Amino acid sequence: MGSFGIYAVEELRAAGHNRREIARAVERGALHRIAPGWYAGKEAHDGVVRAIRAGGHLGCLSGCVAYRLWVPTHHELHVVYGRGARVKWAPGMCLHAAPGPRPTRPLWPVIDCLSHVAHRHDAESALIVLESALHQGLILASDVGDVLARVPASRRGYAQFLGAAESGTETRVRLFFARRHVKVTPQAYIRGIGRVDLLVGDRLIVECDSDEHHRSKEEHRNDRRRDLSARDLGYEVIRLTYHQVWNEWGATQRSLSHQLGRRTHAARR
C-alpha cells in the first residue's frame, strides 16, 4: 500500500481506515491531503505529488525516472492526464494528454510511460527507455507488442533496432551503427577478452561509459589490460566517455563515421 508514499482514499479505506482515522492522521501530520481523494505520507515522491496536485499523474520520461529506468537528460516534469481530468499547468511542467481513463495508482504503469515516450519523443529516446525496462526486468519481451500497440504505426519503427543494452549510452552508440547498416553485436563475448559493450563488424570494439563518474584506478588498469589483449588478438578498441556520447555527440559521430570510412570494423584480408 502507498506506492511512492502516495495513498488513494479508496486504498486507505480498503486497508480498514475509516474517515475519522484518516482525518486524525492528517491532524498528526502523518498524512497530507494533496488533491481530492489523494494523500501523501512524509516520504512521498515529490514529482508524483506535484503531478497529482496538477490534476494528472507522473508519466512519460518523468515516470520512467520514477521507475529507475535509464532516461535521457530532460528538465521538465512530465505530467500525463487521462480522459476527464482537469489539469493545471505550473512552471517547469510539461503536460501530455493520454487516451483512456486516468490510472487509479499514483503514477502511470511502466508500459504506459514507455508508450508515452514513444508517442511524444524521438525514436532514440523511445528505444533507450524500452531497452532499460527490459534490462531491469520491469517488462518482458512479450510486453513490447503491448507498448507498440499503444502508439501510432508511424512511430513504431524504432522497435526494429531493439537489442540488449545495459545503459542508454550503449543504446545511442549502437543505434548510430545500426542506422548505417553496419553489423553491431551488443554485449558480445570474445574469448581471451571477455564481454564487451559493442562489437562493430568483425574487429572494432566500442566500450561506453554509462555515467559521468570517474572510474577507479583499478578499473582503469583493467580496461587497459583488456585493450592490450584485444589488440594482440587483432581487434581495434574505441572507448567513449559519457561526456563524448551525450555532450559532444556531433563530434563523436564524425569520428565514428571516419572510422567506418577507414573500414576499421572490417576483417583484414
C-alpha atoms as a PDB file:
ATOM      1  CA  MET A   1       0.000   0.000   0.000  1.00  0.00           C
ATOM      2  CA  GLY A   2       1.163   3.513  -0.695  1.00  0.00           C
ATOM      3  CA  SER A   3       3.277   3.345  -3.832  1.00  0.00           C
ATOM      4  CA  PHE A   4       5.836   6.185  -3.807  1.00  0.00           C
ATOM      5  CA  GLY A   5       4.414   7.325  -0.470  1.00  0.00           C
ATOM      6  CA  ILE A   6       1.055   8.257  -2.040  1.00  0.00           C
ATOM      7  CA  TYR A   7      -2.299   6.834  -0.941  1.00  0.00           C
ATOM      8  CA  ALA A   8      -5.659   6.888  -2.697  1.00  0.00           C
ATOM      9  CA  VAL A   9      -8.542   7.307  -0.256  1.00  0.00           C
ATOM     10  CA  GLU A  10     -10.078   4.059  -1.568  1.00  0.00           C
ATOM     11  CA  GLU A  11      -6.809   2.299  -0.766  1.00  0.00           C
ATOM     12  CA  LEU A  12      -6.828   3.604   2.805  1.00  0.00           C
ATOM     13  CA  ARG A  13     -10.434   2.558   3.330  1.00  0.00           C
ATOM     14  CA  ALA A  14      -9.783  -0.889   1.843  1.00  0.00           C
ATOM     15  CA  ALA A  15      -6.989  -1.269   4.407  1.00  0.00           C
ATOM     16  CA  GLY A  16      -9.523  -0.666   7.188  1.00  0.00           C
ATOM     17  CA  HIS A  17      -9.045   3.057   7.875  1.00  0.00           C
ATOM     18  CA  ASN A  18     -12.300   4.985   8.208  1.00  0.00           C
ATOM     19  CA  ARG A  19     -12.821   8.692   7.555  1.00  0.00           C
ATOM     20  CA  ARG A  20     -12.163   9.658  11.184  1.00  0.00           C
ATOM     21  CA  GLU A  21      -8.857   7.750  11.311  1.00  0.00           C
ATOM     22  CA  ILE A  22      -7.711   9.367   8.082  1.00  0.00           C
ATOM     23  CA  ALA A  23      -8.602  12.805   9.470  1.00  0.00           C
ATOM     24  CA  ARG A  24      -6.604  12.093  12.644  1.00  0.00           C
ATOM     25  CA  ALA A  25      -3.591  11.027  10.547  1.00  0.00           C
ATOM     26  CA  VAL A  26      -3.816  14.375   8.759  1.00  0.00           C
ATOM     27  CA  GLU A  27      -4.014  16.239  12.088  1.00  0.00           C
ATOM     28  CA  ARG A  28      -0.903  14.414  13.358  1.00  0.00           C
ATOM     29  CA  GLY A  29       0.993  15.269  10.168  1.00  0.00           C
ATOM     30  CA  ALA A  30       1.376  11.612   9.180  1.00  0.00           C
ATOM     31  CA  LEU A  31      -0.626  12.280   6.015  1.00  0.00           C
ATOM     32  CA  HIS A  32      -1.213  15.359   3.878  1.00  0.00           C
ATOM     33  CA  ARG A  33      -4.184  15.787   1.563  1.00  0.00           C
ATOM     34  CA  ILE A  34      -2.681  16.750  -1.804  1.00  0.00           C
ATOM     35  CA  ALA A  35      -5.792  16.526  -4.010  1.00  0.00           C
ATOM     36  CA  PRO A  36      -9.362  15.241  -3.752  1.00  0.00           C
ATOM     37  CA  GLY A  37      -9.063  11.532  -2.996  1.00  0.00           C
ATOM     38  CA  TRP A  38      -5.268  11.550  -2.598  1.00  0.00           C
ATOM     39  CA  TYR A  39      -2.995  11.673   0.439  1.00  0.00           C
ATOM     40  CA  ALA A  40       0.782  11.791   0.784  1.00  0.00           C
ATOM     41  CA  GLY A  41       2.994  10.425   3.540  1.00  0.00           C
ATOM     42  CA  LYS A  42       6.115  12.157   4.851  1.00  0.00           C
ATOM     43  CA  GLU A  43       8.414  10.301   2.430  1.00  0.00           C
ATOM     44  CA  ALA A  44       6.260  10.841  -0.658  1.00  0.00           C
ATOM     45  CA  HIS A  45       7.937  11.187  -4.054  1.00  0.00           C
ATOM     46  CA  ASP A  46       7.994  14.920  -4.846  1.00  0.00           C
ATOM     47  CA  GLY A  47       7.383  14.524  -8.577  1.00  0.00           C
ATOM     48  CA  VAL A  48       4.407  12.232  -8.024  1.00  0.00           C
ATOM     49  CA  VAL A  49       2.944  14.735  -5.537  1.00  0.00           C
ATOM     50  CA  ARG A  50       3.346  17.650  -7.955  1.00  0.00           C
ATOM     51  CA  ALA A  51       1.732  15.694 -10.781  1.00  0.00           C
ATOM     52  CA  ILE A  52      -1.318  14.738  -8.715  1.00  0.00           C
ATOM     53  CA  ARG A  53      -1.691  18.297  -7.440  1.00  0.00           C
ATOM     54  CA  ALA A  54      -1.732  19.425 -11.078  1.00  0.00           C
ATOM     55  CA  GLY A  55      -4.621  17.061 -11.791  1.00  0.00           C
ATOM     56  CA  GLY A  56      -2.646  14.411 -13.657  1.00  0.00           C
ATOM     57  CA  HIS A  57      -0.196  11.631 -12.902  1.00  0.00           C
ATOM     58  CA  LEU A  58       3.539  11.304 -13.404  1.00  0.00           C
ATOM     59  CA  GLY A  59       4.272   9.662 -16.760  1.00  0.00           C
ATOM     60  CA  CYS A  60       6.375   9.767 -19.921  1.00  0.00           C
ATOM     61  CA  LEU A  61      10.088  10.457 -19.234  1.00  0.00           C
ATOM     62  CA  SER A  62       9.471  11.518 -15.620  1.00  0.00           C
ATOM     63  CA  GLY A  63       7.516   8.347 -14.962  1.00  0.00           C
ATOM     64  CA  CYS A  64      10.412   6.331 -16.372  1.00  0.00           C
ATOM     65  CA  VAL A  65      12.748   8.129 -13.954  1.00  0.00           C
ATOM     66  CA  ALA A  66      10.471   7.215 -11.042  1.00  0.00           C
ATOM     67  CA  TYR A  67      10.686   3.573 -12.134  1.00  0.00           C
ATOM     68  CA  ARG A  68      14.502   3.968 -12.110  1.00  0.00           C
ATOM     69  CA  LEU A  69      14.952   3.462 -15.843  1.00  0.00           C
ATOM     70  CA  TRP A  70      17.883   4.887 -17.795  1.00  0.00           C
ATOM     71  CA  VAL A  71      16.434   8.118 -19.221  1.00  0.00           C
ATOM     72  CA  PRO A  72      17.993  10.776 -21.486  1.00  0.00           C
ATOM     73  CA  THR A  73      18.530  14.120 -19.786  1.00  0.00           C
ATOM     74  CA  HIS A  74      15.409  16.274 -19.601  1.00  0.00           C
ATOM     75  CA  HIS A  75      14.484  19.248 -17.450  1.00  0.00           C
ATOM     76  CA  GLU A  76      10.684  19.366 -17.216  1.00  0.00           C
ATOM     77  CA  LEU A  77       8.316  17.319 -15.083  1.00  0.00           C
ATOM     78  CA  HIS A  78       6.177  15.246 -17.460  1.00  0.00           C
ATOM     79  CA  VAL A  79       2.589  15.093 -16.222  1.00  0.00           C
ATOM     80  CA  VAL A  80       0.172  12.926 -18.197  1.00  0.00           C
ATOM     81  CA  TYR A  81      -3.585  13.198 -17.757  1.00  0.00           C
ATOM     82  CA  GLY A  82      -6.344  10.861 -18.852  1.00  0.00           C
ATOM     83  CA  ARG A  83      -9.893  11.368 -20.014  1.00  0.00           C
ATOM     84  CA  GLY A  84     -11.971  13.605 -17.747  1.00  0.00           C
ATOM     85  CA  ALA A  85      -9.057  15.117 -15.844  1.00  0.00           C
ATOM     86  CA  ARG A  86      -8.894  18.844 -15.111  1.00  0.00           C
ATOM     87  CA  VAL A  87      -5.251  19.829 -15.101  1.00  0.00           C
ATOM     88  CA  LYS A  88      -3.429  22.979 -14.092  1.00  0.00           C
ATOM     89  CA  TRP A  89      -0.035  23.764 -15.599  1.00  0.00           C
ATOM     90  CA  ALA A  90       2.785  25.033 -13.379  1.00  0.00           C
ATOM     91  CA  PRO A  91       6.268  26.315 -14.279  1.00  0.00           C
ATOM     92  CA  GLY A  92       8.708  23.519 -15.078  1.00  0.00           C
ATOM     93  CA  MET A  93       5.902  21.189 -16.080  1.00  0.00           C
ATOM     94  CA  CYS A  94       5.121  19.526 -19.425  1.00  0.00           C
ATOM     95  CA  LEU A  95       1.512  18.338 -19.789  1.00  0.00           C
ATOM     96  CA  HIS A  96       0.548  15.415 -22.053  1.00  0.00           C
ATOM     97  CA  ALA A  97      -2.916  14.067 -22.785  1.00  0.00           C
ATOM     98  CA  ALA A  98      -3.364  10.297 -22.964  1.00  0.00           C
ATOM     99  CA  PRO A  99      -6.314   8.308 -24.310  1.00  0.00           C
ATOM    100  CA  GLY A 100      -8.406   6.349 -21.890  1.00  0.00           C
ATOM    101  CA  PRO A 101      -9.172   6.916 -18.225  1.00  0.00           C
ATOM    102  CA  ARG A 102      -6.644   8.167 -15.705  1.00  0.00           C
ATOM    103  CA  PRO A 103      -4.907   5.489 -13.627  1.00  0.00           C
ATOM    104  CA  THR A 104      -6.053   4.522 -10.162  1.00  0.00           C
ATOM    105  CA  ARG A 105      -2.422   4.257  -8.993  1.00  0.00           C
ATOM    106  CA  PRO A 106      -0.211   7.251  -8.061  1.00  0.00           C
ATOM    107  CA  LEU A 107       1.557   7.220 -11.432  1.00  0.00           C
ATOM    108  CA  TRP A 108       1.051   5.666 -14.829  1.00  0.00           C
ATOM    109  CA  PRO A 109       2.070   1.991 -15.181  1.00  0.00           C
ATOM    110  CA  VAL A 110       5.501   1.463 -16.696  1.00  0.00           C
ATOM    111  CA  ILE A 111       4.088   0.175 -20.008  1.00  0.00           C
ATOM    112  CA  ASP A 112       2.065   3.378 -20.341  1.00  0.00           C
ATOM    113  CA  CYS A 113       5.134   5.504 -19.551  1.00  0.00           C
ATOM    114  CA  LEU A 114       7.088   3.703 -22.287  1.00  0.00           C
ATOM    115  CA  SER A 115       4.298   4.286 -24.794  1.00  0.00           C
ATOM    116  CA  HIS A 116       4.103   7.980 -23.777  1.00  0.00           C
ATOM    117  CA  VAL A 117       7.797   8.351 -24.650  1.00  0.00           C
ATOM    118  CA  ALA A 118       7.357   6.539 -27.971  1.00  0.00           C
ATOM    119  CA  HIS A 119       4.391   8.754 -28.811  1.00  0.00           C
ATOM    120  CA  ARG A 120       5.904  12.107 -27.780  1.00  0.00           C
ATOM    121  CA  HIS A 121       9.665  11.808 -28.254  1.00  0.00           C
ATOM    122  CA  ASP A 122      12.247  10.740 -30.813  1.00  0.00           C
ATOM    123  CA  ALA A 123      12.952   7.113 -31.689  1.00  0.00           C
ATOM    124  CA  GLU A 124      16.275   7.131 -29.855  1.00  0.00           C
ATOM    125  CA  SER A 125      14.673   8.148 -26.540  1.00  0.00           C
ATOM    126  CA  ALA A 126      11.917   5.561 -27.000  1.00  0.00           C
ATOM    127  CA  LEU A 127      14.478   2.832 -27.666  1.00  0.00           C
ATOM    128  CA  ILE A 128      16.615   3.815 -24.671  1.00  0.00           C
ATOM    129  CA  VAL A 129      13.794   3.577 -22.122  1.00  0.00           C
ATOM    130  CA  LEU A 130      12.372   0.404 -23.682  1.00  0.00           C
ATOM    131  CA  GLU A 131      15.730  -1.385 -23.541  1.00  0.00           C
ATOM    132  CA  SER A 132      16.287  -0.155 -19.992  1.00  0.00           C
ATOM    133  CA  ALA A 133      12.925  -1.576 -18.895  1.00  0.00           C
ATOM    134  CA  LEU A 134      13.784  -4.923 -20.477  1.00  0.00           C
ATOM    135  CA  HIS A 135      17.274  -4.973 -18.959  1.00  0.00           C
ATOM    136  CA  GLN A 136      15.916  -4.255 -15.473  1.00  0.00           C
ATOM    137  CA  GLY A 137      13.146  -6.816 -15.783  1.00  0.00           C
ATOM    138  CA  LEU A 138      10.296  -4.323 -15.390  1.00  0.00           C
ATOM    139  CA  ILE A 139       8.739  -5.656 -18.586  1.00  0.00           C
ATOM    140  CA  LEU A 140       9.063  -8.908 -20.515  1.00  0.00           C
ATOM    141  CA  ALA A 141       9.877  -9.323 -24.191  1.00  0.00           C
ATOM    142  CA  SER A 142       6.224 -10.288 -24.647  1.00  0.00           C
ATOM    143  CA  ASP A 143       5.214  -6.829 -23.355  1.00  0.00           C
ATOM    144  CA  VAL A 144       6.945  -4.996 -26.215  1.00  0.00           C
ATOM    145  CA  GLY A 145       3.994  -5.611 -28.511  1.00  0.00           C
ATOM    146  CA  ASP A 146       1.679  -4.071 -25.913  1.00  0.00           C
ATOM    147  CA  VAL A 147       3.858  -0.948 -25.773  1.00  0.00           C
ATOM    148  CA  LEU A 148       3.885  -0.638 -29.571  1.00  0.00           C
ATOM    149  CA  ALA A 149       0.135  -1.209 -29.850  1.00  0.00           C
ATOM    150  CA  ARG A 150      -0.444   2.000 -27.888  1.00  0.00           C
ATOM    151  CA  VAL A 151       1.400   4.268 -30.342  1.00  0.00           C
ATOM    152  CA  PRO A 152       0.627   5.128 -33.977  1.00  0.00           C
ATOM    153  CA  ALA A 153       2.040   2.723 -36.571  1.00  0.00           C
ATOM    154  CA  SER A 154       4.138   5.555 -37.993  1.00  0.00           C
ATOM    155  CA  ARG A 155       6.086   5.744 -34.720  1.00  0.00           C
ATOM    156  CA  ARG A 156       6.799   2.044 -34.201  1.00  0.00           C
ATOM    157  CA  GLY A 157       9.834   1.773 -36.463  1.00  0.00           C
ATOM    158  CA  TYR A 158      12.327   2.125 -33.631  1.00  0.00           C
ATOM    159  CA  ALA A 159      11.474  -1.400 -32.466  1.00  0.00           C
ATOM    160  CA  GLN A 160      13.438  -2.884 -35.379  1.00  0.00           C
ATOM    161  CA  PHE A 161      16.618  -1.756 -33.597  1.00  0.00           C
ATOM    162  CA  LEU A 162      15.689  -3.348 -30.269  1.00  0.00           C
ATOM    163  CA  GLY A 163      18.598  -5.163 -28.659  1.00  0.00           C
ATOM    164  CA  ALA A 164      20.375  -5.794 -25.388  1.00  0.00           C
ATOM    165  CA  ALA A 165      21.943  -2.819 -23.623  1.00  0.00           C
ATOM    166  CA  GLU A 166      22.978  -2.074 -20.067  1.00  0.00           C
ATOM    167  CA  SER A 167      22.744   1.712 -20.449  1.00  0.00           C
ATOM    168  CA  GLY A 168      21.299   4.417 -22.646  1.00  0.00           C
ATOM    169  CA  THR A 169      24.838   5.309 -23.691  1.00  0.00           C
ATOM    170  CA  GLU A 170      25.250   1.884 -25.289  1.00  0.00           C
ATOM    171  CA  THR A 171      21.855   2.183 -26.964  1.00  0.00           C
ATOM    172  CA  ARG A 172      22.706   5.546 -28.537  1.00  0.00           C
ATOM    173  CA  VAL A 173      26.047   4.334 -29.917  1.00  0.00           C
ATOM    174  CA  ARG A 174      24.621   1.033 -31.151  1.00  0.00           C
ATOM    175  CA  LEU A 175      21.796   2.870 -32.899  1.00  0.00           C
ATOM    176  CA  PHE A 176      24.368   5.061 -34.677  1.00  0.00           C
ATOM    177  CA  PHE A 177      25.915   1.997 -36.316  1.00  0.00           C
ATOM    178  CA  ALA A 178      22.643   0.143 -36.913  1.00  0.00           C
ATOM    179  CA  ARG A 179      21.151   3.093 -38.801  1.00  0.00           C
ATOM    180  CA  ARG A 180      24.162   2.927 -41.122  1.00  0.00           C
ATOM    181  CA  HIS A 181      23.512  -0.756 -41.772  1.00  0.00           C
ATOM    182  CA  VAL A 182      26.698  -1.804 -40.001  1.00  0.00           C
ATOM    183  CA  LYS A 183      26.534  -5.068 -38.083  1.00  0.00           C
ATOM    184  CA  VAL A 184      26.818  -4.415 -34.356  1.00  0.00           C
ATOM    185  CA  THR A 185      26.602  -7.017 -31.595  1.00  0.00           C
ATOM    186  CA  PRO A 186      25.724  -5.739 -28.110  1.00  0.00           C
ATOM    187  CA  GLN A 187      27.251  -7.361 -25.031  1.00  0.00           C
ATOM    188  CA  ALA A 188      29.430  -9.605 -27.198  1.00  0.00           C
ATOM    189  CA  TYR A 189      31.631 -12.242 -25.582  1.00  0.00           C
ATOM    190  CA  ILE A 190      35.121 -12.549 -27.080  1.00  0.00           C
ATOM    191  CA  ARG A 191      37.369 -15.379 -25.953  1.00  0.00           C
ATOM    192  CA  GLY A 192      40.525 -14.052 -24.343  1.00  0.00           C
ATOM    193  CA  ILE A 193      38.930 -10.659 -23.627  1.00  0.00           C
ATOM    194  CA  GLY A 194      35.554 -11.246 -22.043  1.00  0.00           C
ATOM    195  CA  ARG A 195      32.321  -9.352 -22.558  1.00  0.00           C
ATOM    196  CA  VAL A 196      32.460  -6.047 -24.434  1.00  0.00           C
ATOM    197  CA  ASP A 197      29.762  -3.397 -24.787  1.00  0.00           C
ATOM    198  CA  LEU A 198      29.652  -3.415 -28.589  1.00  0.00           C
ATOM    199  CA  LEU A 199      31.394  -5.424 -31.302  1.00  0.00           C
ATOM    200  CA  VAL A 200      31.080  -3.466 -34.538  1.00  0.00           C
ATOM    201  CA  GLY A 201      31.577  -5.515 -37.670  1.00  0.00           C
ATOM    202  CA  ASP A 202      34.291  -8.128 -37.220  1.00  0.00           C
ATOM    203  CA  ARG A 203      37.007  -6.328 -35.296  1.00  0.00           C
ATOM    204  CA  LEU A 204      36.026  -2.969 -33.789  1.00  0.00           C
ATOM    205  CA  ILE A 205      35.265  -2.998 -30.067  1.00  0.00           C
ATOM    206  CA  VAL A 206      33.436   0.036 -28.666  1.00  0.00           C
ATOM    207  CA  GLU A 207      33.239   0.454 -24.897  1.00  0.00           C
ATOM    208  CA  CYS A 208      30.827   3.065 -23.489  1.00  0.00           C
ATOM    209  CA  ASP A 209      30.867   4.730 -20.062  1.00  0.00           C
ATOM    210  CA  SER A 210      27.336   4.587 -18.684  1.00  0.00           C
ATOM    211  CA  ASP A 211      27.626   7.563 -16.316  1.00  0.00           C
ATOM    212  CA  GLU A 212      29.599  10.715 -15.605  1.00  0.00           C
ATOM    213  CA  HIS A 213      31.522   9.322 -12.643  1.00  0.00           C
ATOM    214  CA  HIS A 214      35.228   8.676 -12.991  1.00  0.00           C
ATOM    215  CA  ARG A 215      36.318   5.055 -12.966  1.00  0.00           C
ATOM    216  CA  SER A 216      38.576   3.845 -10.177  1.00  0.00           C
ATOM    217  CA  LYS A 217      42.292   3.351 -10.741  1.00  0.00           C
ATOM    218  CA  GLU A 218      41.849  -0.420 -10.627  1.00  0.00           C
ATOM    219  CA  GLU A 219      39.047  -0.298 -13.206  1.00  0.00           C
ATOM    220  CA  HIS A 220      41.222   1.927 -15.376  1.00  0.00           C
ATOM    221  CA  ARG A 221      44.106  -0.563 -15.161  1.00  0.00           C
ATOM    222  CA  ASN A 222      41.813  -3.485 -16.020  1.00  0.00           C
ATOM    223  CA  ASP A 223      40.461  -1.577 -19.004  1.00  0.00           C
ATOM    224  CA  ARG A 224      43.970  -1.052 -20.347  1.00  0.00           C
ATOM    225  CA  ARG A 225      44.853  -4.726 -19.864  1.00  0.00           C
ATOM    226  CA  ARG A 226      41.761  -5.722 -21.832  1.00  0.00           C
ATOM    227  CA  ASP A 227      42.570  -3.210 -24.557  1.00  0.00           C
ATOM    228  CA  LEU A 228      46.069  -4.651 -24.935  1.00  0.00           C
ATOM    229  CA  SER A 229      44.698  -8.196 -25.078  1.00  0.00           C
ATOM    230  CA  ALA A 230      42.203  -7.098 -27.715  1.00  0.00           C
ATOM    231  CA  ARG A 231      44.921  -5.577 -29.889  1.00  0.00           C
ATOM    232  CA  ASP A 232      47.009  -8.747 -29.545  1.00  0.00           C
ATOM    233  CA  LEU A 233      44.028 -10.640 -30.966  1.00  0.00           C
ATOM    234  CA  GLY A 234      43.650  -8.254 -33.900  1.00  0.00           C
ATOM    235  CA  TYR A 235      40.859  -6.018 -32.613  1.00  0.00           C
ATOM    236  CA  GLU A 236      40.718  -2.225 -32.545  1.00  0.00           C
ATOM    237  CA  VAL A 237      39.269  -0.571 -29.441  1.00  0.00           C
ATOM    238  CA  ILE A 238      37.440   2.731 -29.011  1.00  0.00           C
ATOM    239  CA  ARG A 239      36.480   3.922 -25.536  1.00  0.00           C
ATOM    240  CA  LEU A 240      33.789   6.591 -25.340  1.00  0.00           C
ATOM    241  CA  THR A 241      33.104   8.630 -22.227  1.00  0.00           C
ATOM    242  CA  TYR A 242      29.637   9.653 -21.100  1.00  0.00           C
ATOM    243  CA  HIS A 243      30.558  13.251 -21.977  1.00  0.00           C
ATOM    244  CA  GLN A 244      31.536  12.318 -25.540  1.00  0.00           C
ATOM    245  CA  VAL A 245      28.253  10.495 -26.128  1.00  0.00           C
ATOM    246  CA  TRP A 246      25.874  12.981 -24.519  1.00  0.00           C
ATOM    247  CA  ASN A 247      27.588  16.383 -24.617  1.00  0.00           C
ATOM    248  CA  GLU A 248      29.842  16.103 -27.675  1.00  0.00           C
ATOM    249  CA  TRP A 249      27.712  13.778 -29.776  1.00  0.00           C
ATOM    250  CA  GLY A 250      28.148  15.685 -33.032  1.00  0.00           C
ATOM    251  CA  ALA A 251      31.940  15.494 -32.886  1.00  0.00           C
ATOM    252  CA  THR A 252      31.798  11.888 -31.705  1.00  0.00           C
ATOM    253  CA  GLN A 253      29.589  10.881 -34.627  1.00  0.00           C
ATOM    254  CA  ARG A 254      32.030  12.453 -37.060  1.00  0.00           C
ATOM    255  CA  SER A 255      34.900  10.478 -35.524  1.00  0.00           C
ATOM    256  CA  LEU A 256      32.933   7.230 -35.648  1.00  0.00           C
ATOM    257  CA  SER A 257      31.987   7.915 -39.275  1.00  0.00           C
ATOM    258  CA  HIS A 258      35.679   8.422 -40.032  1.00  0.00           C
ATOM    259  CA  GLN A 259      36.449   5.007 -38.538  1.00  0.00           C
ATOM    260  CA  LEU A 260      33.753   3.425 -40.691  1.00  0.00           C
ATOM    261  CA  GLY A 261      35.210   5.144 -43.741  1.00  0.00           C
ATOM    262  CA  ARG A 262      38.594   3.621 -42.918  1.00  0.00           C
ATOM    263  CA  ARG A 263      36.914   0.200 -42.614  1.00  0.00           C
ATOM    264  CA  THR A 264      38.318  -0.172 -39.106  1.00  0.00           C
ATOM    265  CA  HIS A 265      35.466  -2.555 -38.317  1.00  0.00           C
ATOM    266  CA  ALA A 266      36.035  -4.845 -41.295  1.00  0.00           C
ATOM    267  CA  ALA A 267      38.049  -8.053 -41.245  1.00  0.00           C
ATOM    268  CA  ARG A 268      41.538  -7.762 -42.653  1.00  0.00           C
ATOM    269  CA  ARG A 269      42.130  -9.526 -45.945  1.00  0.00           C
END
